[in-house]
Amino acid sequence: MADFLINIFLDEEQQKKIEEAGLGDQIQEIEGKKAVQVEMSKKDQKKLLKGFSGLEFDSSNACVLPDEPQNTLLNIILEMKSLDVMKFAITKLYNPLAGKSLRSKVH
């Protein structure tokens, strides 16, 4: 069992794409909606908390990403045909330099 989870709630079109990717058996019902869950480590969770202020985890240590990163994660899942994608996905979702000004080196 993973330390933390990302819930991706699916509309009908997304659900169909998940099924076409061979992951239909991974679809669960969460809060009355169809969803898949992506497992992540404590380290990944810390990066996401830094990258997305206001990200909240429920009592089962699950969160829902904002729309754009959630779509990115869903596309990675569909491309890799796996829910075990966080090692790759975290590099696309977390930008440690976001919001920081670039410093130029002066010689």
C-alpha atoms as a PDB file:
ATOM      1  CA  MET A   1       0.000   0.000   0.000  1.00  0.00           C
ATOM      2  CA  ALA A   2       1.287   3.438  -0.921  1.00  0.00           C
ATOM      3  CA  ASP A   3       1.780   6.225   1.566  1.00  0.00           C
ATOM      4  CA  PHE A   4      -0.417   8.619  -0.439  1.00  0.00           C
ATOM      5  CA  LEU A   5      -2.830   8.540  -3.377  1.00  0.00           C
ATOM      6  CA  ILE A   6      -4.023  10.838  -6.123  1.00  0.00           C
ATOM      7  CA  ASN A   7      -7.679  10.368  -7.022  1.00  0.00           C
ATOM      8  CA  ILE A   8      -8.481  11.020 -10.667  1.00  0.00           C
ATOM      9  CA  PHE A   9     -12.235  11.289 -11.115  1.00  0.00           C
ATOM     10  CA  LEU A  10     -13.302  10.245 -14.597  1.00  0.00           C
ATOM     11  CA  ASP A  11     -16.025  11.476 -16.913  1.00  0.00           C
ATOM     12  CA  GLU A  12     -17.499   8.959 -19.379  1.00  0.00           C
ATOM     13  CA  GLU A  13     -14.974   9.743 -22.128  1.00  0.00           C
ATOM     14  CA  GLN A  14     -12.004   9.427 -19.753  1.00  0.00           C
ATOM     15  CA  GLN A  15     -13.411   6.194 -18.334  1.00  0.00           C
ATOM     16  CA  LYS A  16     -13.653   4.766 -21.851  1.00  0.00           C
ATOM     17  CA  LYS A  17     -10.026   5.741 -22.560  1.00  0.00           C
ATOM     18  CA  ILE A  18      -8.877   4.066 -19.317  1.00  0.00           C
ATOM     19  CA  GLU A  19     -10.751   0.906 -20.313  1.00  0.00           C
ATOM     20  CA  GLU A  20      -9.230   1.022 -23.828  1.00  0.00           C
ATOM     21  CA  ALA A  21      -5.772   1.277 -22.221  1.00  0.00           C
ATOM     22  CA  GLY A  22      -6.464  -2.040 -20.487  1.00  0.00           C
ATOM     23  CA  LEU A  23      -6.922  -0.468 -17.054  1.00  0.00           C
ATOM     24  CA  GLY A  24     -10.679  -0.956 -16.666  1.00  0.00           C
ATOM     25  CA  ASP A  25     -10.113  -3.273 -13.699  1.00  0.00           C
ATOM     26  CA  GLN A  26      -8.435  -0.359 -11.867  1.00  0.00           C
ATOM     27  CA  ILE A  27     -11.538   1.862 -11.952  1.00  0.00           C
ATOM     28  CA  GLN A  28     -13.099   2.264  -8.519  1.00  0.00           C
ATOM     29  CA  GLU A  29     -16.088   4.082  -7.155  1.00  0.00           C
ATOM     30  CA  ILE A  30     -15.048   6.877  -4.792  1.00  0.00           C
ATOM     31  CA  GLU A  31     -17.626   9.236  -3.296  1.00  0.00           C
ATOM     32  CA  GLY A  32     -20.148   7.902  -5.799  1.00  0.00           C
ATOM     33  CA  LYS A  33     -17.959   8.728  -8.817  1.00  0.00           C
ATOM     34  CA  LYS A  34     -15.783   6.581 -11.076  1.00  0.00           C
ATOM     35  CA  ALA A  35     -12.074   7.124 -10.443  1.00  0.00           C
ATOM     36  CA  VAL A  36      -8.613   5.636 -10.621  1.00  0.00           C
ATOM     37  CA  GLN A  37      -6.002   6.032  -7.907  1.00  0.00           C
ATOM     38  CA  VAL A  38      -2.310   6.674  -8.487  1.00  0.00           C
ATOM     39  CA  GLU A  39       0.002   5.689  -5.645  1.00  0.00           C
ATOM     40  CA  MET A  40       2.810   7.983  -4.558  1.00  0.00           C
ATOM     41  CA  SER A  41       5.514   8.100  -1.927  1.00  0.00           C
ATOM     42  CA  LYS A  42       5.910  10.545   0.945  1.00  0.00           C
ATOM     43  CA  LYS A  43       8.676  12.231  -1.089  1.00  0.00           C
ATOM     44  CA  ASP A  44       6.308  12.719  -4.070  1.00  0.00           C
ATOM     45  CA  GLN A  45       3.622  14.045  -1.731  1.00  0.00           C
ATOM     46  CA  LYS A  46       6.027  16.642  -0.315  1.00  0.00           C
ATOM     47  CA  LYS A  47       6.919  17.795  -3.850  1.00  0.00           C
ATOM     48  CA  LEU A  48       3.255  18.120  -4.803  1.00  0.00           C
ATOM     49  CA  LEU A  49       2.528  20.121  -1.638  1.00  0.00           C
ATOM     50  CA  LYS A  50       5.359  22.506  -2.580  1.00  0.00           C
ATOM     51  CA  GLY A  51       4.161  22.748  -6.163  1.00  0.00           C
ATOM     52  CA  PHE A  52       0.442  23.166  -5.486  1.00  0.00           C
ATOM     53  CA  SER A  53      -0.443  25.369  -2.546  1.00  0.00           C
ATOM     54  CA  GLY A  54      -3.804  24.484  -1.095  1.00  0.00           C
ATOM     55  CA  LEU A  55      -3.549  20.795  -2.017  1.00  0.00           C
ATOM     56  CA  GLU A  56      -5.500  18.872   0.603  1.00  0.00           C
ATOM     57  CA  PHE A  57      -5.397  15.219   1.584  1.00  0.00           C
ATOM     58  CA  ASP A  58      -8.405  13.393   3.015  1.00  0.00           C
ATOM     59  CA  SER A  59      -8.494  10.828   5.829  1.00  0.00           C
ATOM     60  CA  SER A  60      -7.319   8.105   3.420  1.00  0.00           C
ATOM     61  CA  ASN A  61      -4.273  10.244   2.441  1.00  0.00           C
ATOM     62  CA  ALA A  62      -5.729  10.900  -1.018  1.00  0.00           C
ATOM     63  CA  CYS A  63      -5.829  14.190  -2.915  1.00  0.00           C
ATOM     64  CA  VAL A  64      -7.218  15.574  -6.154  1.00  0.00           C
ATOM     65  CA  LEU A  65      -4.910  17.644  -8.349  1.00  0.00           C
ATOM     66  CA  PRO A  66      -5.987  20.868 -10.070  1.00  0.00           C
ATOM     67  CA  ASP A  67      -7.387  20.359 -13.598  1.00  0.00           C
ATOM     68  CA  GLU A  68      -4.269  20.980 -15.709  1.00  0.00           C
ATOM     69  CA  PRO A  69      -1.871  18.706 -13.756  1.00  0.00           C
ATOM     70  CA  GLN A  70      -4.612  16.106 -13.434  1.00  0.00           C
ATOM     71  CA  ASN A  71      -5.020  16.069 -17.223  1.00  0.00           C
ATOM     72  CA  THR A  72      -1.227  15.754 -17.580  1.00  0.00           C
ATOM     73  CA  LEU A  73      -1.224  12.791 -15.184  1.00  0.00           C
ATOM     74  CA  LEU A  74      -4.152  11.157 -16.964  1.00  0.00           C
ATOM     75  CA  ASN A  75      -2.373  11.517 -20.324  1.00  0.00           C
ATOM     76  CA  ILE A  76       0.763   9.887 -18.868  1.00  0.00           C
ATOM     77  CA  ILE A  77      -1.352   7.000 -17.541  1.00  0.00           C
ATOM     78  CA  LEU A  78      -2.976   6.501 -20.944  1.00  0.00           C
ATOM     79  CA  GLU A  79       0.364   6.696 -22.748  1.00  0.00           C
ATOM     80  CA  MET A  80       2.117   4.247 -20.390  1.00  0.00           C
ATOM     81  CA  LYS A  81      -0.984   2.050 -19.929  1.00  0.00           C
ATOM     82  CA  SER A  82      -0.209   1.848 -16.210  1.00  0.00           C
ATOM     83  CA  LEU A  83      -1.149   3.523 -12.935  1.00  0.00           C
ATOM     84  CA  ASP A  84       2.412   3.048 -11.678  1.00  0.00           C
ATOM     85  CA  VAL A  85       3.610   6.305 -13.218  1.00  0.00           C
ATOM     86  CA  MET A  86       4.677   8.620 -10.389  1.00  0.00           C
ATOM     87  CA  LYS A  87       8.434   8.114 -10.849  1.00  0.00           C
ATOM     88  CA  PHE A  88       8.028   9.599 -14.322  1.00  0.00           C
ATOM     89  CA  ALA A  89       5.017  11.852 -13.720  1.00  0.00           C
ATOM     90  CA  ILE A  90       6.498  13.758 -10.789  1.00  0.00           C
ATOM     91  CA  THR A  91       9.059  15.299 -13.150  1.00  0.00           C
ATOM     92  CA  LYS A  92       6.207  16.626 -15.307  1.00  0.00           C
ATOM     93  CA  LEU A  93       4.014  17.739 -12.388  1.00  0.00           C
ATOM     94  CA  TYR A  94       6.561  19.301 -10.066  1.00  0.00           C
ATOM     95  CA  ASN A  95       8.650  22.262 -11.138  1.00  0.00           C
ATOM     96  CA  PRO A  96      10.940  23.289  -8.266  1.00  0.00           C
ATOM     97  CA  LEU A  97      11.682  26.593 -10.003  1.00  0.00           C
ATOM     98  CA  ALA A  98       8.047  27.637 -10.465  1.00  0.00           C
ATOM     99  CA  GLY A  99       7.516  31.179  -9.271  1.00  0.00           C
ATOM    100  CA  LYS A 100      11.214  31.837  -8.670  1.00  0.00           C
ATOM    101  CA  SER A 101      13.126  34.417 -10.625  1.00  0.00           C
ATOM    102  CA  LEU A 102      16.056  33.241 -12.641  1.00  0.00           C
ATOM    103  CA  ARG A 103      19.438  34.522 -11.529  1.00  0.00           C
ATOM    104  CA  SER A 104      22.097  35.077 -14.109  1.00  0.00           C
ATOM    105  CA  LYS A 105      25.700  34.266 -13.295  1.00  0.00           C
ATOM    106  CA  VAL A 106      28.041  37.189 -13.463  1.00  0.00           C
ATOM    107  CA  HIS A 107      31.654  36.355 -14.256  1.00  0.00           C
END
